[in-house]
Amino acid sequence: MKNYKKVISIIFVLAANFAFACEACKLQQPKLTQGFTHGGGPDSKWDWLIIAVIAVITVYTLIYSLKYLIKPGETDKNHIKHSILN
């Protein structure tokens, strides 16, 4: 379990370095997302709900895709997942 946390931390740090907004976009953002996203900010509470749901789905998908890629749990040596690991 520790390896998964390290991998996720490294991915988050690398992604954060490329995700910062430019100066023009910082002026258009609300305080919460100022400096982190490009373009105009969310206009309503529904936008925030959609963003939160998408973020949860993305993190969930990332965790499980890494989990099953690193340790697929298949015991058959001819299983297709082992061709990726070897």
N, C-alpha and C. Protein backbone atom coordinates (compact mmCIF):
# COMPACT_ATOMS: atom_id res chain seq x y z
N MET A 1 0.82 -1.20 0.00
CA MET A 1 0.00 0.00 0.00
C MET A 1 0.87 1.26 0.00
N LYS A 2 2.04 1.18 0.59
CA LYS A 2 2.91 2.35 0.64
C LYS A 2 3.37 2.75 -0.76
N ASN A 3 3.60 1.77 -1.62
CA ASN A 3 4.05 2.07 -2.98
C ASN A 3 3.01 2.86 -3.76
N TYR A 4 1.74 2.54 -3.56
CA TYR A 4 0.67 3.26 -4.25
C TYR A 4 0.65 4.72 -3.83
N LYS A 5 0.86 4.97 -2.55
CA LYS A 5 0.84 6.34 -2.06
C LYS A 5 2.02 7.14 -2.63
N LYS A 6 3.17 6.49 -2.75
CA LYS A 6 4.33 7.17 -3.32
C LYS A 6 4.11 7.51 -4.78
N VAL A 7 3.55 6.57 -5.53
CA VAL A 7 3.30 6.79 -6.96
C VAL A 7 2.29 7.92 -7.14
N ILE A 8 1.23 7.91 -6.37
CA ILE A 8 0.20 8.95 -6.48
C ILE A 8 0.78 10.30 -6.09
N SER A 9 1.62 10.34 -5.07
CA SER A 9 2.23 11.60 -4.66
C SER A 9 3.14 12.16 -5.75
N ILE A 10 3.92 11.30 -6.37
CA ILE A 10 4.81 11.75 -7.44
C ILE A 10 4.02 12.28 -8.62
N ILE A 11 2.96 11.58 -9.01
CA ILE A 11 2.12 12.02 -10.13
C ILE A 11 1.48 13.37 -9.81
N PHE A 12 1.00 13.54 -8.58
CA PHE A 12 0.37 14.79 -8.19
C PHE A 12 1.36 15.95 -8.25
N VAL A 13 2.57 15.74 -7.75
CA VAL A 13 3.57 16.81 -7.76
C VAL A 13 3.94 17.18 -9.19
N LEU A 14 4.13 16.20 -10.05
CA LEU A 14 4.47 16.49 -11.45
C LEU A 14 3.34 17.20 -12.17
N ALA A 15 2.11 16.78 -11.93
CA ALA A 15 0.96 17.42 -12.57
C ALA A 15 0.79 18.85 -12.06
N ALA A 16 1.05 19.08 -10.80
CA ALA A 16 0.88 20.42 -10.23
C ALA A 16 1.85 21.42 -10.83
N ASN A 17 3.03 20.97 -11.23
CA ASN A 17 4.01 21.87 -11.83
C ASN A 17 3.54 22.41 -13.18
N PHE A 18 2.73 21.66 -13.90
CA PHE A 18 2.28 22.08 -15.23
C PHE A 18 0.87 22.68 -15.22
N ALA A 19 0.22 22.72 -14.10
CA ALA A 19 -1.19 23.10 -14.06
C ALA A 19 -1.43 24.54 -13.63
N PHE A 20 -0.42 25.30 -13.31
CA PHE A 20 -0.65 26.65 -12.82
C PHE A 20 -1.12 27.58 -13.92
N ALA A 21 -1.96 28.52 -13.56
CA ALA A 21 -2.58 29.43 -14.52
C ALA A 21 -1.65 30.59 -14.85
N CYS A 22 -1.93 31.20 -16.01
CA CYS A 22 -1.18 32.39 -16.41
C CYS A 22 -1.74 33.61 -15.66
N GLU A 23 -1.07 34.76 -15.82
CA GLU A 23 -1.46 35.96 -15.08
C GLU A 23 -2.87 36.45 -15.45
N ALA A 24 -3.23 36.37 -16.73
CA ALA A 24 -4.55 36.83 -17.16
C ALA A 24 -5.66 35.95 -16.57
N CYS A 25 -5.41 34.66 -16.49
CA CYS A 25 -6.42 33.74 -15.96
C CYS A 25 -6.57 33.87 -14.45
N LYS A 26 -5.49 34.23 -13.76
CA LYS A 26 -5.56 34.39 -12.31
C LYS A 26 -6.56 35.47 -11.92
N LEU A 27 -6.67 36.50 -12.74
CA LEU A 27 -7.58 37.61 -12.44
C LEU A 27 -9.04 37.23 -12.61
N GLN A 28 -9.34 36.20 -13.43
CA GLN A 28 -10.72 35.80 -13.70
C GLN A 28 -11.24 34.72 -12.76
N GLN A 29 -10.36 34.14 -11.95
CA GLN A 29 -10.74 33.01 -11.11
C GLN A 29 -11.28 33.45 -9.76
N PRO A 30 -12.17 32.62 -9.17
CA PRO A 30 -12.57 32.86 -7.79
C PRO A 30 -11.40 32.56 -6.85
N LYS A 31 -11.48 33.00 -5.60
CA LYS A 31 -10.39 32.83 -4.65
C LYS A 31 -9.95 31.38 -4.49
N LEU A 32 -10.89 30.45 -4.50
CA LEU A 32 -10.59 29.04 -4.26
C LEU A 32 -9.69 28.43 -5.32
N THR A 33 -9.93 28.76 -6.59
CA THR A 33 -9.14 28.17 -7.68
C THR A 33 -8.16 29.15 -8.31
N GLN A 34 -7.99 30.29 -7.71
CA GLN A 34 -7.13 31.31 -8.30
C GLN A 34 -5.69 30.81 -8.38
N GLY A 35 -5.14 30.85 -9.58
CA GLY A 35 -3.77 30.43 -9.80
C GLY A 35 -3.60 28.97 -10.19
N PHE A 36 -4.67 28.19 -10.15
CA PHE A 36 -4.55 26.76 -10.46
C PHE A 36 -5.18 26.35 -11.78
N THR A 37 -6.12 27.12 -12.29
CA THR A 37 -6.81 26.72 -13.51
C THR A 37 -6.77 27.84 -14.54
N HIS A 38 -6.98 27.48 -15.79
CA HIS A 38 -7.02 28.46 -16.87
C HIS A 38 -8.46 28.80 -17.22
N GLY A 39 -8.68 29.96 -17.80
CA GLY A 39 -10.01 30.37 -18.22
C GLY A 39 -10.82 30.97 -17.10
N GLY A 40 -12.09 31.22 -17.39
CA GLY A 40 -12.99 31.77 -16.40
C GLY A 40 -13.38 30.74 -15.37
N GLY A 41 -13.79 31.19 -14.24
CA GLY A 41 -14.16 30.29 -13.15
C GLY A 41 -15.56 29.74 -13.30
N PRO A 42 -15.93 28.80 -12.45
CA PRO A 42 -17.29 28.25 -12.46
C PRO A 42 -18.31 29.35 -12.16
N ASP A 43 -19.45 29.28 -12.85
CA ASP A 43 -20.45 30.33 -12.72
C ASP A 43 -21.51 30.04 -11.66
N SER A 44 -21.78 28.77 -11.39
CA SER A 44 -22.84 28.46 -10.43
C SER A 44 -22.41 27.31 -9.52
N LYS A 45 -23.26 27.00 -8.55
CA LYS A 45 -22.98 25.89 -7.64
C LYS A 45 -23.04 24.55 -8.36
N TRP A 46 -23.83 24.47 -9.43
CA TRP A 46 -23.88 23.23 -10.22
C TRP A 46 -22.54 22.94 -10.87
N ASP A 47 -21.84 23.99 -11.30
CA ASP A 47 -20.51 23.81 -11.89
C ASP A 47 -19.55 23.20 -10.88
N TRP A 48 -19.62 23.68 -9.62
CA TRP A 48 -18.76 23.13 -8.58
C TRP A 48 -19.09 21.66 -8.31
N LEU A 49 -20.37 21.32 -8.34
CA LEU A 49 -20.78 19.93 -8.13
C LEU A 49 -20.25 19.04 -9.25
N ILE A 50 -20.35 19.50 -10.47
CA ILE A 50 -19.86 18.73 -11.62
C ILE A 50 -18.34 18.55 -11.51
N ILE A 51 -17.63 19.61 -11.14
CA ILE A 51 -16.18 19.52 -10.99
C ILE A 51 -15.81 18.52 -9.89
N ALA A 52 -16.52 18.55 -8.78
CA ALA A 52 -16.23 17.63 -7.68
C ALA A 52 -16.48 16.18 -8.08
N VAL A 53 -17.58 15.92 -8.78
CA VAL A 53 -17.89 14.55 -9.21
C VAL A 53 -16.83 14.06 -10.20
N ILE A 54 -16.45 14.89 -11.14
CA ILE A 54 -15.43 14.51 -12.11
C ILE A 54 -14.09 14.25 -11.42
N ALA A 55 -13.74 15.07 -10.44
CA ALA A 55 -12.48 14.87 -9.71
C ALA A 55 -12.48 13.55 -8.96
N VAL A 56 -13.59 13.22 -8.32
CA VAL A 56 -13.68 11.95 -7.58
C VAL A 56 -13.56 10.77 -8.54
N ILE A 57 -14.26 10.83 -9.66
CA ILE A 57 -14.19 9.74 -10.65
C ILE A 57 -12.78 9.61 -11.21
N THR A 58 -12.11 10.72 -11.47
CA THR A 58 -10.76 10.68 -12.01
C THR A 58 -9.78 10.07 -11.02
N VAL A 59 -9.83 10.49 -9.77
CA VAL A 59 -8.93 9.94 -8.75
C VAL A 59 -9.20 8.46 -8.55
N TYR A 60 -10.45 8.07 -8.46
CA TYR A 60 -10.84 6.67 -8.30
C TYR A 60 -10.31 5.82 -9.45
N THR A 61 -10.48 6.31 -10.67
CA THR A 61 -10.01 5.59 -11.85
C THR A 61 -8.49 5.49 -11.86
N LEU A 62 -7.80 6.56 -11.52
CA LEU A 62 -6.35 6.55 -11.49
C LEU A 62 -5.82 5.55 -10.47
N ILE A 63 -6.39 5.55 -9.28
CA ILE A 63 -5.94 4.63 -8.22
C ILE A 63 -6.12 3.19 -8.65
N TYR A 64 -7.28 2.85 -9.15
CA TYR A 64 -7.52 1.46 -9.52
C TYR A 64 -6.78 1.04 -10.78
N SER A 65 -6.56 1.94 -11.71
CA SER A 65 -5.78 1.56 -12.89
C SER A 65 -4.33 1.28 -12.51
N LEU A 66 -3.76 2.09 -11.62
CA LEU A 66 -2.40 1.83 -11.14
C LEU A 66 -2.34 0.55 -10.31
N LYS A 67 -3.33 0.36 -9.47
CA LYS A 67 -3.36 -0.82 -8.61
C LYS A 67 -3.36 -2.10 -9.45
N TYR A 68 -4.22 -2.18 -10.43
CA TYR A 68 -4.33 -3.39 -11.24
C TYR A 68 -3.23 -3.50 -12.29
N LEU A 69 -2.56 -2.43 -12.60
CA LEU A 69 -1.42 -2.51 -13.50
C LEU A 69 -0.19 -3.01 -12.75
N ILE A 70 0.02 -2.51 -11.54
CA ILE A 70 1.19 -2.89 -10.75
C ILE A 70 1.05 -4.30 -10.19
N LYS A 71 -0.10 -4.62 -9.63
CA LYS A 71 -0.32 -5.94 -9.04
C LYS A 71 -1.67 -6.47 -9.52
N PRO A 72 -1.68 -7.12 -10.69
CA PRO A 72 -2.94 -7.53 -11.30
C PRO A 72 -3.70 -8.60 -10.52
N GLY A 73 -3.01 -9.43 -9.74
CA GLY A 73 -3.68 -10.45 -8.96
C GLY A 73 -3.97 -11.73 -9.73
N GLU A 74 -3.50 -11.83 -10.94
CA GLU A 74 -3.67 -13.03 -11.75
C GLU A 74 -2.53 -13.98 -11.46
N THR A 75 -2.82 -15.27 -11.30
CA THR A 75 -1.77 -16.25 -11.01
C THR A 75 -1.30 -16.99 -12.25
N ASP A 76 -2.08 -16.96 -13.31
CA ASP A 76 -1.71 -17.65 -14.54
C ASP A 76 -0.59 -16.87 -15.25
N LYS A 77 0.54 -17.51 -15.50
CA LYS A 77 1.68 -16.84 -16.13
C LYS A 77 1.41 -16.45 -17.58
N ASN A 78 0.41 -17.03 -18.23
CA ASN A 78 0.07 -16.71 -19.62
C ASN A 78 -0.98 -15.61 -19.73
N HIS A 79 -1.41 -15.06 -18.60
CA HIS A 79 -2.44 -14.03 -18.65
C HIS A 79 -1.87 -12.77 -19.32
N ILE A 80 -2.70 -12.07 -20.07
CA ILE A 80 -2.26 -10.92 -20.87
C ILE A 80 -1.70 -9.79 -20.02
N LYS A 81 -2.12 -9.67 -18.77
CA LYS A 81 -1.62 -8.61 -17.91
C LYS A 81 -0.12 -8.79 -17.63
N HIS A 82 0.34 -10.01 -17.60
CA HIS A 82 1.76 -10.25 -17.34
C HIS A 82 2.64 -9.82 -18.51
N SER A 83 2.09 -9.75 -19.70
CA SER A 83 2.89 -9.29 -20.84
C SER A 83 3.23 -7.81 -20.69
N ILE A 84 2.39 -7.05 -20.02
CA ILE A 84 2.66 -5.63 -19.77
C ILE A 84 3.75 -5.48 -18.71
N LEU A 85 3.69 -6.32 -17.68
CA LEU A 85 4.64 -6.22 -16.59
C LEU A 85 6.03 -6.73 -16.97
N ASN A 86 6.08 -7.66 -17.91
CA ASN A 86 7.38 -8.20 -18.33
C ASN A 86 7.88 -7.43 -19.48
